[in-house]
Each structure stands twice: as structure tokens, then as C-alpha cells.
């Protein structure tokens, strides 16, 4: 969380929250949703400005009810989630591939999930800023267990590193990451919010 943002919260408390105007899509892009987009249930326009994208990512946080938001100075802009609070990418590096969120933070994976539509989710510890109160101005930096939808561009690479056995009722599998075999388990997409404590569409 930027220091200037924290100072503005103290200087201008009780600024009304904003809902519906910002979204996180399935590819980790922040989208601006004006009144027309909201009224017509459209995805909105992808934010292309690099500095603004970085500012949103640095000041992305969660409140105690599981609602995610962008702390824009004194105003809390709640974010509509297309899928999950984080989108995971597999990024190559000299020391080996990394799992990073759309905010550039590292995921320490525990396993993976596959839903009824074939989406892959990475579960693990992710650095987050947490507001203990819905209207609080105090944030705690923590690593907490969360979930990130794997970007569709990385599905082939994930498949190459995975082994899955299916039967009529369920499946089990494993995913090789950093020399370890991590479990792949089934889940229904509707269960994700409750299991990982997040709200896809925040409201007043």
C-alpha cells in the first residue's frame, strides 16, 4: 500500500465507497466499467495506462468480508471479479519458472483445482494487504491461502507438467512444480468463493 494513500485515508476519512466501476477480468486485466457498461452488463474497457495499472496493483487489498478493492487515495473502489481475486501466470526466469499474480506478487503453490468447465486454479499462499474492518484505514500485510485462476495462455504448459487419472465419478492427479508433485483436485466453480473467502460482486 502506497504511503501517500495511507496518509490520504487519515486526512480525508469517510469518503463514500465506489461500486461497479472497476473489474478484474479472466486475463488479469483491470477494466473500467462506465455507466453504459454497467447498465448493459458489458466487460468494460481494458485500462492500458501502465502507471495506473501499477498503482491499482500496489494498492489492491481485501476487507474482512472478502470483498476486494483498490484503495484510490481516500476512496475505496470495490472490484468486480470475473473469476478469482488473482490471476496466475507462469513466468520463466534464470532460476526457473515463477508463478506470479496480476499484481506481480509471487504465489507459493500448494496444489491446483480443476472445475466443471476445465478451468485450472492455483492454490497457495499469496501476499495480500488486509483491512481488518470494512471501513478501516489500517492495513496488515500478510501471506494468506488464496486462489488464482491460471491464465489460459499457460494451460498447455500446465498440462505438460501434469498427470491426471479420470473415472466415472471423479479424478485425481498431480502437477510437477519446483521438483514437487502437487495435488490436482476437482471443484465446482460455485464453491470457490466460499472456500477461499472472496466475493465476486461486492455491494453496499
N, C-alpha and C. Protein backbone atom coordinates (compact mmCIF):
# COMPACT_ATOMS: atom_id res chain seq x y z
N UNK A 1 0.84 -1.18 0.00
CA UNK A 1 0.00 0.00 0.00
C UNK A 1 0.88 1.24 0.00
N UNK A 2 0.62 2.18 -0.92
CA UNK A 2 1.44 3.39 -1.01
C UNK A 2 1.27 4.27 0.22
N UNK A 3 2.37 4.88 0.66
CA UNK A 3 2.33 5.75 1.83
C UNK A 3 1.39 6.92 1.62
N UNK A 4 1.39 7.48 0.41
CA UNK A 4 0.52 8.63 0.13
C UNK A 4 -0.96 8.25 0.24
N UNK A 5 -1.27 7.01 -0.10
CA UNK A 5 -2.65 6.53 0.03
C UNK A 5 -3.04 6.44 1.49
N UNK A 6 -2.15 5.88 2.32
CA UNK A 6 -2.43 5.77 3.74
C UNK A 6 -2.60 7.14 4.39
N UNK A 7 -1.78 8.12 3.98
CA UNK A 7 -1.91 9.48 4.52
C UNK A 7 -3.24 10.11 4.14
N UNK A 8 -3.68 9.87 2.90
CA UNK A 8 -4.94 10.47 2.44
C UNK A 8 -6.13 9.89 3.20
N UNK A 9 -6.03 8.61 3.60
CA UNK A 9 -7.11 8.00 4.37
C UNK A 9 -7.28 8.69 5.73
N UNK A 10 -6.15 9.08 6.31
CA UNK A 10 -6.20 9.77 7.60
C UNK A 10 -6.71 11.20 7.43
N UNK A 11 -6.30 11.85 6.33
CA UNK A 11 -6.66 13.25 6.10
C UNK A 11 -8.12 13.41 5.69
N UNK A 12 -8.60 12.44 4.89
CA UNK A 12 -9.99 12.53 4.40
C UNK A 12 -10.74 11.24 4.72
N UNK A 13 -11.14 11.04 5.96
CA UNK A 13 -11.88 9.82 6.31
C UNK A 13 -13.32 9.87 5.81
N UNK A 14 -13.95 8.73 5.78
CA UNK A 14 -15.38 8.62 5.48
C UNK A 14 -15.76 9.05 4.07
N UNK A 15 -14.84 8.91 3.10
CA UNK A 15 -15.19 9.16 1.70
C UNK A 15 -16.06 7.99 1.23
N UNK A 16 -17.17 8.27 0.54
CA UNK A 16 -18.07 7.18 0.11
C UNK A 16 -17.36 6.16 -0.78
N UNK A 17 -17.70 4.89 -0.60
CA UNK A 17 -17.13 3.83 -1.41
C UNK A 17 -17.71 3.85 -2.82
N UNK A 18 -16.99 3.24 -3.74
CA UNK A 18 -17.41 3.17 -5.14
C UNK A 18 -17.59 1.70 -5.53
N UNK A 19 -18.71 1.39 -6.18
CA UNK A 19 -19.01 0.02 -6.58
C UNK A 19 -19.32 -0.04 -8.08
N UNK A 20 -18.86 -1.13 -8.71
CA UNK A 20 -19.26 -1.41 -10.08
C UNK A 20 -18.42 -0.81 -11.18
N UNK A 21 -17.51 0.09 -10.83
CA UNK A 21 -16.78 0.84 -11.86
C UNK A 21 -15.45 0.20 -12.26
N UNK A 22 -14.99 -0.78 -11.51
CA UNK A 22 -13.70 -1.41 -11.81
C UNK A 22 -13.85 -2.92 -11.72
N UNK A 23 -13.23 -3.62 -12.67
CA UNK A 23 -13.32 -5.08 -12.70
C UNK A 23 -11.96 -5.70 -12.99
N UNK A 24 -11.81 -6.95 -12.58
CA UNK A 24 -10.63 -7.75 -12.90
C UNK A 24 -11.11 -8.89 -13.79
N UNK A 25 -10.60 -8.96 -15.03
CA UNK A 25 -11.08 -10.00 -15.93
C UNK A 25 -10.26 -11.28 -15.81
N UNK A 26 -10.60 -12.27 -16.62
CA UNK A 26 -10.00 -13.60 -16.52
C UNK A 26 -8.56 -13.63 -16.99
N UNK A 27 -8.09 -12.56 -17.62
CA UNK A 27 -6.70 -12.49 -18.07
C UNK A 27 -5.85 -11.55 -17.22
N UNK A 28 -6.39 -11.17 -16.08
CA UNK A 28 -5.63 -10.33 -15.17
C UNK A 28 -5.58 -8.87 -15.57
N UNK A 29 -6.52 -8.44 -16.39
CA UNK A 29 -6.57 -7.05 -16.83
C UNK A 29 -7.58 -6.28 -15.99
N UNK A 30 -7.19 -5.07 -15.59
CA UNK A 30 -8.12 -4.18 -14.91
C UNK A 30 -8.99 -3.52 -15.98
N UNK A 31 -10.29 -3.47 -15.73
CA UNK A 31 -11.23 -2.90 -16.69
C UNK A 31 -12.06 -1.79 -16.04
N UNK A 32 -12.19 -0.67 -16.76
CA UNK A 32 -13.04 0.43 -16.32
C UNK A 32 -14.43 0.21 -16.88
N UNK A 33 -15.44 0.24 -16.00
CA UNK A 33 -16.82 -0.01 -16.42
C UNK A 33 -17.65 1.24 -16.15
N UNK A 34 -17.92 2.00 -17.22
CA UNK A 34 -18.72 3.21 -17.06
C UNK A 34 -20.19 2.85 -16.90
N UNK A 35 -21.06 3.88 -16.83
CA UNK A 35 -22.47 3.62 -16.58
C UNK A 35 -23.10 2.78 -17.68
N UNK A 36 -22.68 3.00 -18.94
CA UNK A 36 -23.23 2.23 -20.05
C UNK A 36 -22.84 0.75 -19.91
N UNK A 37 -21.57 0.49 -19.58
CA UNK A 37 -21.10 -0.89 -19.43
C UNK A 37 -21.84 -1.58 -18.29
N UNK A 38 -22.04 -0.87 -17.19
CA UNK A 38 -22.74 -1.46 -16.06
C UNK A 38 -24.20 -1.75 -16.39
N UNK A 39 -24.85 -0.80 -17.05
CA UNK A 39 -26.27 -0.96 -17.36
C UNK A 39 -26.51 -2.10 -18.34
N UNK A 40 -25.54 -2.36 -19.21
CA UNK A 40 -25.69 -3.38 -20.24
C UNK A 40 -24.87 -4.65 -19.96
N UNK A 41 -24.37 -4.73 -18.74
CA UNK A 41 -23.59 -5.90 -18.30
C UNK A 41 -22.44 -6.22 -19.25
N UNK A 42 -21.71 -5.18 -19.63
CA UNK A 42 -20.55 -5.32 -20.51
C UNK A 42 -19.28 -5.40 -19.67
N UNK A 43 -18.23 -5.96 -20.28
CA UNK A 43 -16.96 -6.15 -19.56
C UNK A 43 -16.28 -4.84 -19.22
N UNK A 44 -16.46 -3.82 -20.05
CA UNK A 44 -15.78 -2.55 -19.83
C UNK A 44 -14.49 -2.46 -20.62
N UNK A 45 -13.84 -1.32 -20.53
CA UNK A 45 -12.63 -1.05 -21.31
C UNK A 45 -11.38 -1.44 -20.53
N UNK A 46 -10.47 -2.15 -21.18
CA UNK A 46 -9.20 -2.51 -20.55
C UNK A 46 -8.39 -1.25 -20.28
N UNK A 47 -7.88 -1.12 -19.07
CA UNK A 47 -7.03 0.03 -18.73
C UNK A 47 -5.65 -0.21 -19.31
N UNK A 48 -5.23 0.65 -20.22
CA UNK A 48 -3.96 0.47 -20.92
C UNK A 48 -2.82 1.25 -20.28
N UNK A 49 -3.13 2.24 -19.45
CA UNK A 49 -2.11 3.12 -18.88
C UNK A 49 -1.25 2.35 -17.88
N UNK A 50 0.04 2.21 -18.19
CA UNK A 50 0.93 1.39 -17.37
C UNK A 50 1.04 1.89 -15.94
N UNK A 51 1.18 3.20 -15.77
CA UNK A 51 1.34 3.77 -14.43
C UNK A 51 0.08 3.53 -13.60
N UNK A 52 -1.10 3.69 -14.21
CA UNK A 52 -2.35 3.46 -13.49
C UNK A 52 -2.50 1.99 -13.13
N UNK A 53 -2.16 1.10 -14.06
CA UNK A 53 -2.21 -0.33 -13.76
C UNK A 53 -1.33 -0.68 -12.56
N UNK A 54 -0.13 -0.13 -12.54
CA UNK A 54 0.79 -0.40 -11.44
C UNK A 54 0.26 0.16 -10.12
N UNK A 55 -0.37 1.33 -10.19
CA UNK A 55 -0.92 1.97 -8.99
C UNK A 55 -2.05 1.13 -8.41
N UNK A 56 -2.92 0.62 -9.29
CA UNK A 56 -4.01 -0.24 -8.83
C UNK A 56 -3.44 -1.51 -8.18
N UNK A 57 -2.45 -2.11 -8.83
CA UNK A 57 -1.87 -3.36 -8.32
C UNK A 57 -1.21 -3.18 -6.96
N UNK A 58 -0.53 -2.05 -6.76
CA UNK A 58 0.14 -1.80 -5.49
C UNK A 58 -0.85 -1.56 -4.36
N UNK A 59 -2.02 -1.08 -4.69
CA UNK A 59 -2.99 -0.68 -3.68
C UNK A 59 -4.26 -1.54 -3.73
N UNK A 60 -4.05 -2.79 -4.12
CA UNK A 60 -5.11 -3.79 -4.19
C UNK A 60 -5.18 -4.48 -2.84
N UNK A 61 -6.37 -4.59 -2.28
CA UNK A 61 -6.50 -5.13 -0.92
C UNK A 61 -7.84 -5.81 -0.75
N UNK A 62 -8.03 -6.38 0.44
CA UNK A 62 -9.24 -7.13 0.75
C UNK A 62 -9.73 -6.72 2.14
N UNK A 63 -11.06 -6.65 2.30
CA UNK A 63 -11.58 -6.37 3.63
C UNK A 63 -11.98 -7.67 4.33
N UNK A 64 -12.43 -7.55 5.56
CA UNK A 64 -12.70 -8.74 6.36
C UNK A 64 -13.91 -9.54 5.87
N UNK A 65 -14.71 -8.97 4.98
CA UNK A 65 -15.86 -9.69 4.44
C UNK A 65 -15.52 -10.44 3.16
N UNK A 66 -14.27 -10.32 2.69
CA UNK A 66 -13.86 -10.99 1.47
C UNK A 66 -14.08 -10.19 0.20
N UNK A 67 -14.34 -8.89 0.35
CA UNK A 67 -14.52 -8.02 -0.81
C UNK A 67 -13.18 -7.37 -1.16
N UNK A 68 -12.81 -7.45 -2.43
CA UNK A 68 -11.55 -6.88 -2.88
C UNK A 68 -11.77 -5.49 -3.45
N UNK A 69 -10.76 -4.64 -3.28
CA UNK A 69 -10.91 -3.25 -3.69
C UNK A 69 -9.55 -2.64 -4.02
N UNK A 70 -9.62 -1.51 -4.69
CA UNK A 70 -8.46 -0.67 -4.99
C UNK A 70 -8.60 0.59 -4.13
N UNK A 71 -7.61 0.82 -3.25
CA UNK A 71 -7.65 2.00 -2.40
C UNK A 71 -7.11 3.18 -3.19
N UNK A 72 -8.01 3.97 -3.75
CA UNK A 72 -7.65 5.10 -4.60
C UNK A 72 -7.62 6.37 -3.75
N UNK A 73 -6.47 6.61 -3.11
CA UNK A 73 -6.42 7.71 -2.16
C UNK A 73 -7.39 7.43 -1.03
N UNK A 74 -8.26 8.38 -0.69
CA UNK A 74 -9.19 8.15 0.42
C UNK A 74 -10.40 7.31 0.02
N UNK A 75 -10.57 7.05 -1.28
CA UNK A 75 -11.77 6.32 -1.73
C UNK A 75 -11.46 4.84 -1.97
N UNK A 76 -12.36 4.00 -1.52
CA UNK A 76 -12.26 2.56 -1.71
C UNK A 76 -13.10 2.17 -2.93
N UNK A 77 -12.42 1.70 -3.99
CA UNK A 77 -13.11 1.32 -5.23
C UNK A 77 -13.19 -0.20 -5.27
N UNK A 78 -14.37 -0.74 -5.03
CA UNK A 78 -14.54 -2.18 -4.97
C UNK A 78 -14.53 -2.78 -6.37
N UNK A 79 -13.99 -4.01 -6.46
CA UNK A 79 -13.69 -4.61 -7.75
C UNK A 79 -14.58 -5.82 -8.00
N UNK A 80 -15.21 -5.82 -9.17
CA UNK A 80 -15.97 -6.97 -9.63
C UNK A 80 -15.01 -8.00 -10.21
N UNK A 81 -15.09 -9.22 -9.73
CA UNK A 81 -14.17 -10.28 -10.15
C UNK A 81 -14.85 -11.18 -11.17
N UNK A 82 -14.25 -11.30 -12.34
CA UNK A 82 -14.78 -12.25 -13.33
C UNK A 82 -14.62 -13.69 -12.86
N UNK A 83 -13.55 -13.96 -12.15
CA UNK A 83 -13.27 -15.34 -11.73
C UNK A 83 -12.82 -15.40 -10.28
N UNK A 84 -11.60 -15.00 -10.01
CA UNK A 84 -10.99 -15.09 -8.69
C UNK A 84 -10.26 -13.78 -8.38
N UNK A 85 -9.83 -13.58 -7.13
CA UNK A 85 -9.14 -12.33 -6.78
C UNK A 85 -7.77 -12.18 -7.45
N UNK A 86 -7.21 -13.29 -7.90
CA UNK A 86 -5.89 -13.26 -8.53
C UNK A 86 -5.92 -14.10 -9.80
N UNK A 87 -5.11 -13.68 -10.76
CA UNK A 87 -4.90 -14.42 -12.00
C UNK A 87 -3.42 -14.82 -12.03
N UNK A 88 -3.15 -16.10 -12.24
CA UNK A 88 -1.78 -16.62 -12.18
C UNK A 88 -1.18 -16.73 -13.57
N UNK A 89 0.11 -16.35 -13.66
CA UNK A 89 0.90 -16.58 -14.86
C UNK A 89 2.16 -17.37 -14.50
N UNK A 90 2.57 -18.24 -15.42
CA UNK A 90 3.83 -18.96 -15.27
C UNK A 90 4.88 -18.18 -16.04
N UNK A 91 5.83 -17.59 -15.31
CA UNK A 91 6.81 -16.68 -15.90
C UNK A 91 8.20 -17.32 -15.86
N UNK A 92 8.86 -17.47 -17.00
CA UNK A 92 10.22 -18.03 -16.99
C UNK A 92 11.22 -17.06 -16.38
N UNK A 93 12.24 -17.60 -15.72
CA UNK A 93 13.32 -16.79 -15.17
C UNK A 93 14.60 -17.61 -15.18
N UNK A 94 15.74 -16.98 -14.90
CA UNK A 94 17.02 -17.68 -14.92
C UNK A 94 17.08 -18.78 -13.87
N UNK A 95 16.38 -18.58 -12.76
CA UNK A 95 16.39 -19.58 -11.68
C UNK A 95 15.26 -20.60 -11.82
N UNK A 96 14.51 -20.52 -12.90
CA UNK A 96 13.39 -21.43 -13.09
C UNK A 96 12.09 -20.66 -13.16
N UNK A 97 11.00 -21.31 -13.58
CA UNK A 97 9.73 -20.62 -13.73
C UNK A 97 9.17 -20.14 -12.39
N UNK A 98 8.46 -19.01 -12.44
CA UNK A 98 7.80 -18.45 -11.27
C UNK A 98 6.30 -18.40 -11.52
N UNK A 99 5.55 -18.46 -10.45
CA UNK A 99 4.12 -18.23 -10.50
C UNK A 99 3.84 -16.84 -9.94
N UNK A 100 3.33 -15.94 -10.77
CA UNK A 100 3.08 -14.58 -10.35
C UNK A 100 1.61 -14.21 -10.56
N UNK A 101 1.09 -13.35 -9.70
CA UNK A 101 -0.26 -12.83 -9.87
C UNK A 101 -0.24 -11.63 -10.81
N UNK A 102 -1.42 -11.12 -11.12
CA UNK A 102 -1.53 -9.93 -11.97
C UNK A 102 -0.90 -8.71 -11.30
N UNK A 103 -0.67 -8.79 -9.99
CA UNK A 103 -0.03 -7.69 -9.25
C UNK A 103 1.49 -7.85 -9.21
N UNK A 104 2.01 -8.94 -9.79
CA UNK A 104 3.44 -9.18 -9.77
C UNK A 104 3.94 -9.83 -8.51
N UNK A 105 3.04 -10.28 -7.64
CA UNK A 105 3.43 -10.94 -6.40
C UNK A 105 3.56 -12.44 -6.62
N UNK A 106 4.43 -13.08 -5.87
CA UNK A 106 4.71 -14.50 -6.08
C UNK A 106 3.71 -15.38 -5.33
N UNK A 107 3.27 -16.42 -6.01
CA UNK A 107 2.41 -17.43 -5.40
C UNK A 107 3.27 -18.60 -4.94
N UNK A 108 3.08 -19.02 -3.69
CA UNK A 108 3.74 -20.22 -3.19
C UNK A 108 2.70 -21.34 -3.24
N UNK A 109 2.73 -22.15 -4.31
CA UNK A 109 1.61 -23.07 -4.55
C UNK A 109 1.57 -24.26 -3.60
N UNK A 110 0.34 -24.67 -3.28
CA UNK A 110 0.10 -25.89 -2.51
C UNK A 110 -0.51 -26.97 -3.39
N UNK A 111 -1.17 -26.54 -4.47
CA UNK A 111 -1.82 -27.50 -5.34
C UNK A 111 -2.60 -26.79 -6.43
N UNK A 112 -3.47 -27.53 -7.09
CA UNK A 112 -4.28 -26.97 -8.17
C UNK A 112 -5.67 -27.58 -8.11
N UNK A 113 -6.62 -26.87 -8.70
CA UNK A 113 -8.00 -27.31 -8.78
C UNK A 113 -8.46 -27.23 -10.22
N UNK A 114 -9.37 -28.11 -10.59
CA UNK A 114 -9.96 -28.07 -11.92
C UNK A 114 -11.48 -28.07 -11.77
N UNK A 115 -12.17 -27.14 -12.45
CA UNK A 115 -13.63 -27.06 -12.28
C UNK A 115 -14.37 -27.77 -13.42
N UNK A 116 -15.68 -27.63 -13.40
CA UNK A 116 -16.54 -28.33 -14.34
C UNK A 116 -16.38 -27.86 -15.79
N UNK A 117 -15.73 -26.70 -15.98
CA UNK A 117 -15.50 -26.16 -17.32
C UNK A 117 -14.07 -26.37 -17.79
N UNK A 118 -13.27 -27.06 -16.98
CA UNK A 118 -11.89 -27.29 -17.34
C UNK A 118 -10.93 -26.18 -16.96
N UNK A 119 -11.42 -25.17 -16.22
CA UNK A 119 -10.53 -24.12 -15.74
C UNK A 119 -9.59 -24.68 -14.69
N UNK A 120 -8.37 -24.16 -14.66
CA UNK A 120 -7.38 -24.56 -13.68
C UNK A 120 -7.14 -23.41 -12.71
N UNK A 121 -7.13 -23.72 -11.43
CA UNK A 121 -6.88 -22.73 -10.39
C UNK A 121 -5.67 -23.17 -9.58
N UNK A 122 -4.81 -22.21 -9.27
CA UNK A 122 -3.65 -22.47 -8.42
C UNK A 122 -3.99 -22.05 -7.00
N UNK A 123 -3.77 -22.93 -6.04
CA UNK A 123 -3.98 -22.58 -4.65
C UNK A 123 -2.63 -22.46 -3.95
N UNK A 124 -2.55 -21.53 -3.01
CA UNK A 124 -1.30 -21.36 -2.29
C UNK A 124 -1.28 -20.06 -1.52
N UNK A 125 -0.16 -19.76 -0.92
CA UNK A 125 -0.02 -18.53 -0.14
C UNK A 125 0.36 -17.37 -1.06
N UNK A 126 -0.41 -16.28 -0.92
CA UNK A 126 -0.24 -15.09 -1.77
C UNK A 126 -0.14 -13.87 -0.86
N UNK A 127 0.86 -12.99 -1.06
CA UNK A 127 0.95 -11.76 -0.27
C UNK A 127 -0.27 -10.87 -0.52
N UNK A 128 -0.85 -10.36 0.56
CA UNK A 128 -2.03 -9.51 0.43
C UNK A 128 -1.99 -8.39 1.45
N UNK A 129 -2.71 -7.31 1.14
CA UNK A 129 -2.99 -6.26 2.11
C UNK A 129 -4.41 -6.48 2.62
N UNK A 130 -4.55 -6.58 3.92
CA UNK A 130 -5.84 -6.89 4.52
C UNK A 130 -6.29 -5.76 5.43
N UNK A 131 -7.53 -5.31 5.22
CA UNK A 131 -8.16 -4.35 6.12
C UNK A 131 -9.04 -5.12 7.08
N UNK A 132 -8.72 -5.06 8.36
CA UNK A 132 -9.45 -5.85 9.35
C UNK A 132 -10.89 -5.38 9.52
N UNK A 133 -11.17 -4.13 9.11
CA UNK A 133 -12.51 -3.58 9.20
C UNK A 133 -12.99 -3.19 7.81
N UNK A 134 -14.29 -3.27 7.59
CA UNK A 134 -14.85 -2.93 6.28
C UNK A 134 -14.53 -1.49 5.91
N UNK A 135 -14.51 -0.59 6.89
CA UNK A 135 -14.21 0.82 6.62
C UNK A 135 -12.89 1.24 7.25
N UNK A 136 -12.03 0.30 7.57
CA UNK A 136 -10.81 0.63 8.30
C UNK A 136 -9.75 1.30 7.46
N UNK A 137 -8.89 2.06 8.13
CA UNK A 137 -7.78 2.73 7.47
C UNK A 137 -6.45 2.06 7.79
N UNK A 138 -6.49 0.95 8.53
CA UNK A 138 -5.28 0.23 8.91
C UNK A 138 -5.20 -1.06 8.09
N UNK A 139 -4.03 -1.29 7.49
CA UNK A 139 -3.85 -2.46 6.65
C UNK A 139 -2.74 -3.33 7.21
N UNK A 140 -2.95 -4.63 7.10
CA UNK A 140 -1.95 -5.60 7.52
C UNK A 140 -1.43 -6.33 6.31
N UNK A 141 -0.11 -6.38 6.15
CA UNK A 141 0.48 -7.17 5.09
C UNK A 141 0.62 -8.60 5.57
N UNK A 142 0.10 -9.53 4.80
CA UNK A 142 0.12 -10.92 5.22
C UNK A 142 0.24 -11.84 4.02
N UNK A 143 0.65 -13.07 4.26
CA UNK A 143 0.58 -14.12 3.26
C UNK A 143 -0.53 -15.06 3.67
N UNK A 144 -1.55 -15.14 2.87
CA UNK A 144 -2.69 -15.98 3.23
C UNK A 144 -3.05 -16.93 2.10
N UNK A 145 -3.68 -18.03 2.47
CA UNK A 145 -4.08 -19.02 1.48
C UNK A 145 -5.18 -18.45 0.60
N UNK A 146 -4.96 -18.47 -0.69
CA UNK A 146 -5.94 -17.94 -1.63
C UNK A 146 -5.91 -18.76 -2.91
N UNK A 147 -6.60 -18.26 -3.93
CA UNK A 147 -6.73 -19.00 -5.17
C UNK A 147 -6.57 -18.04 -6.34
N UNK A 148 -5.97 -18.54 -7.41
CA UNK A 148 -5.75 -17.74 -8.61
C UNK A 148 -6.10 -18.57 -9.84
N UNK A 149 -6.94 -18.02 -10.69
CA UNK A 149 -7.23 -18.68 -11.96
C UNK A 149 -5.97 -18.65 -12.82
N UNK A 150 -5.62 -19.79 -13.39
CA UNK A 150 -4.46 -19.84 -14.28
C UNK A 150 -4.84 -19.23 -15.62
N UNK A 151 -4.02 -18.30 -16.09
CA UNK A 151 -4.23 -17.64 -17.39
C UNK A 151 -4.32 -18.70 -18.48
N UNK A 152 -5.24 -18.51 -19.43
CA UNK A 152 -5.44 -19.54 -20.44
C UNK A 152 -4.23 -19.74 -21.34
N UNK A 153 -3.33 -18.74 -21.43
CA UNK A 153 -2.12 -18.90 -22.23
C UNK A 153 -1.15 -19.91 -21.62
N UNK A 154 -1.34 -20.24 -20.35
CA UNK A 154 -0.42 -21.13 -19.65
C UNK A 154 -0.99 -22.53 -19.45
N UNK A 155 -2.16 -22.80 -20.00
CA UNK A 155 -2.79 -24.10 -19.80
C UNK A 155 -2.00 -25.24 -20.44
N UNK A 156 -1.44 -25.01 -21.62
CA UNK A 156 -0.66 -26.06 -22.28
C UNK A 156 0.57 -26.43 -21.47
N UNK A 157 1.25 -25.41 -20.93
CA UNK A 157 2.44 -25.67 -20.11
C UNK A 157 2.06 -26.43 -18.85
N UNK A 158 0.95 -26.04 -18.23
CA UNK A 158 0.48 -26.75 -17.04
C UNK A 158 0.17 -28.21 -17.38
N UNK A 159 -0.47 -28.42 -18.53
CA UNK A 159 -0.82 -29.79 -18.95
C UNK A 159 0.41 -30.65 -19.15
N UNK A 160 1.48 -30.05 -19.68
CA UNK A 160 2.72 -30.80 -19.90
C UNK A 160 3.34 -31.25 -18.58
N UNK A 161 3.07 -30.51 -17.51
CA UNK A 161 3.67 -30.81 -16.22
C UNK A 161 2.74 -31.62 -15.31
N UNK A 162 1.61 -32.09 -15.86
CA UNK A 162 0.58 -32.71 -15.03
C UNK A 162 0.26 -34.12 -15.50
N UNK A 163 -0.25 -34.89 -14.55
CA UNK A 163 -0.78 -36.21 -14.82
C UNK A 163 -2.13 -36.33 -14.14
N UNK A 164 -3.15 -36.73 -14.90
CA UNK A 164 -4.50 -36.81 -14.36
C UNK A 164 -5.10 -38.16 -14.71
N UNK A 165 -5.76 -38.77 -13.73
CA UNK A 165 -6.49 -40.02 -13.94
C UNK A 165 -7.97 -39.75 -13.68
N UNK A 166 -8.82 -40.08 -14.64
CA UNK A 166 -10.25 -39.84 -14.52
C UNK A 166 -11.01 -41.15 -14.45
N UNK A 167 -12.13 -41.11 -13.72
CA UNK A 167 -13.07 -42.22 -13.77
C UNK A 167 -14.48 -41.64 -13.88
N UNK A 168 -15.48 -42.46 -13.69
CA UNK A 168 -16.85 -42.01 -13.95
C UNK A 168 -17.31 -40.94 -12.97
N UNK A 169 -16.78 -40.94 -11.78
CA UNK A 169 -17.30 -40.06 -10.73
C UNK A 169 -16.35 -38.91 -10.36
N UNK A 170 -15.07 -39.11 -10.52
CA UNK A 170 -14.13 -38.09 -10.06
C UNK A 170 -12.80 -38.28 -10.78
N UNK A 171 -11.83 -37.50 -10.38
CA UNK A 171 -10.50 -37.69 -10.92
C UNK A 171 -9.49 -37.29 -9.86
N UNK A 172 -8.29 -37.71 -10.05
CA UNK A 172 -7.20 -37.28 -9.20
C UNK A 172 -5.99 -37.10 -10.09
N UNK A 173 -5.08 -36.28 -9.62
CA UNK A 173 -3.91 -36.04 -10.44
C UNK A 173 -2.83 -35.34 -9.66
N UNK A 174 -1.74 -35.05 -10.36
CA UNK A 174 -0.62 -34.35 -9.74
C UNK A 174 0.00 -33.41 -10.76
N UNK A 175 0.65 -32.40 -10.23
CA UNK A 175 1.25 -31.34 -11.03
C UNK A 175 2.68 -31.15 -10.53
N UNK A 176 3.63 -31.27 -11.42
CA UNK A 176 5.04 -31.14 -11.05
C UNK A 176 5.44 -29.68 -11.05
N UNK A 177 5.84 -29.19 -9.86
CA UNK A 177 6.28 -27.80 -9.74
C UNK A 177 7.47 -27.73 -8.80
N UNK A 178 8.55 -27.17 -9.28
CA UNK A 178 9.76 -26.98 -8.48
C UNK A 178 10.21 -28.30 -7.86
N UNK A 179 10.14 -29.37 -8.65
CA UNK A 179 10.60 -30.67 -8.20
C UNK A 179 9.65 -31.41 -7.28
N UNK A 180 8.45 -30.84 -7.03
CA UNK A 180 7.49 -31.48 -6.14
C UNK A 180 6.22 -31.83 -6.91
N UNK A 181 5.63 -32.96 -6.55
CA UNK A 181 4.34 -33.34 -7.11
C UNK A 181 3.23 -32.78 -6.22
N UNK A 182 2.51 -31.81 -6.75
CA UNK A 182 1.42 -31.17 -6.01
C UNK A 182 0.08 -31.74 -6.49
N UNK A 183 -0.90 -31.84 -5.60
CA UNK A 183 -2.17 -32.48 -5.98
C UNK A 183 -3.02 -31.59 -6.89
N UNK A 184 -3.75 -32.24 -7.78
CA UNK A 184 -4.81 -31.60 -8.56
C UNK A 184 -6.12 -32.22 -8.12
N UNK A 185 -7.07 -31.39 -7.71
CA UNK A 185 -8.34 -31.87 -7.18
C UNK A 185 -9.50 -31.21 -7.92
N UNK A 186 -10.66 -31.87 -7.95
CA UNK A 186 -11.83 -31.27 -8.60
C UNK A 186 -12.52 -30.27 -7.69
N UNK A 187 -13.19 -29.31 -8.29
CA UNK A 187 -14.02 -28.36 -7.54
C UNK A 187 -15.08 -27.82 -8.49
N UNK A 188 -16.22 -27.43 -7.95
CA UNK A 188 -17.21 -26.72 -8.76
C UNK A 188 -16.95 -25.23 -8.60
N UNK A 189 -17.05 -24.50 -9.70
CA UNK A 189 -16.71 -23.07 -9.68
C UNK A 189 -17.52 -22.30 -8.64
N UNK A 190 -18.75 -22.75 -8.36
CA UNK A 190 -19.58 -22.04 -7.39
C UNK A 190 -19.06 -22.19 -5.97
N UNK A 191 -18.19 -23.13 -5.73
CA UNK A 191 -17.66 -23.37 -4.39
C UNK A 191 -16.45 -22.49 -4.06
N UNK A 192 -15.86 -21.88 -5.09
CA UNK A 192 -14.60 -21.17 -4.90
C UNK A 192 -14.71 -20.01 -3.91
N UNK A 193 -15.75 -19.19 -4.06
CA UNK A 193 -15.88 -18.01 -3.20
C UNK A 193 -15.99 -18.37 -1.73
N UNK A 194 -16.80 -19.37 -1.42
CA UNK A 194 -16.98 -19.78 -0.03
C UNK A 194 -15.71 -20.41 0.53
N UNK A 195 -15.09 -21.27 -0.26
CA UNK A 195 -13.90 -21.98 0.22
C UNK A 195 -12.73 -21.03 0.46
N UNK A 196 -12.58 -20.02 -0.41
CA UNK A 196 -11.42 -19.13 -0.29
C UNK A 196 -11.80 -17.72 0.15
N UNK A 197 -13.03 -17.55 0.61
CA UNK A 197 -13.49 -16.33 1.28
C UNK A 197 -13.29 -15.09 0.40
N UNK A 198 -13.96 -15.09 -0.76
CA UNK A 198 -13.96 -13.87 -1.56
C UNK A 198 -15.35 -13.67 -2.17
N UNK A 199 -15.65 -12.40 -2.46
CA UNK A 199 -16.94 -12.00 -3.03
C UNK A 199 -16.69 -11.53 -4.46
N UNK A 200 -17.36 -12.16 -5.43
CA UNK A 200 -17.13 -11.79 -6.83
C UNK A 200 -17.74 -10.43 -7.18
N UNK A 201 -18.89 -10.13 -6.61
CA UNK A 201 -19.56 -8.85 -6.93
C UNK A 201 -19.83 -8.12 -5.61
N UNK A 202 -18.92 -7.26 -5.17
CA UNK A 202 -19.12 -6.52 -3.92
C UNK A 202 -20.34 -5.61 -4.00
N UNK A 203 -20.93 -5.36 -2.85
CA UNK A 203 -22.10 -4.48 -2.79
C UNK A 203 -22.10 -3.71 -1.48
N UNK A 204 -22.93 -2.69 -1.40
CA UNK A 204 -23.03 -1.87 -0.18
C UNK A 204 -23.47 -2.71 1.01
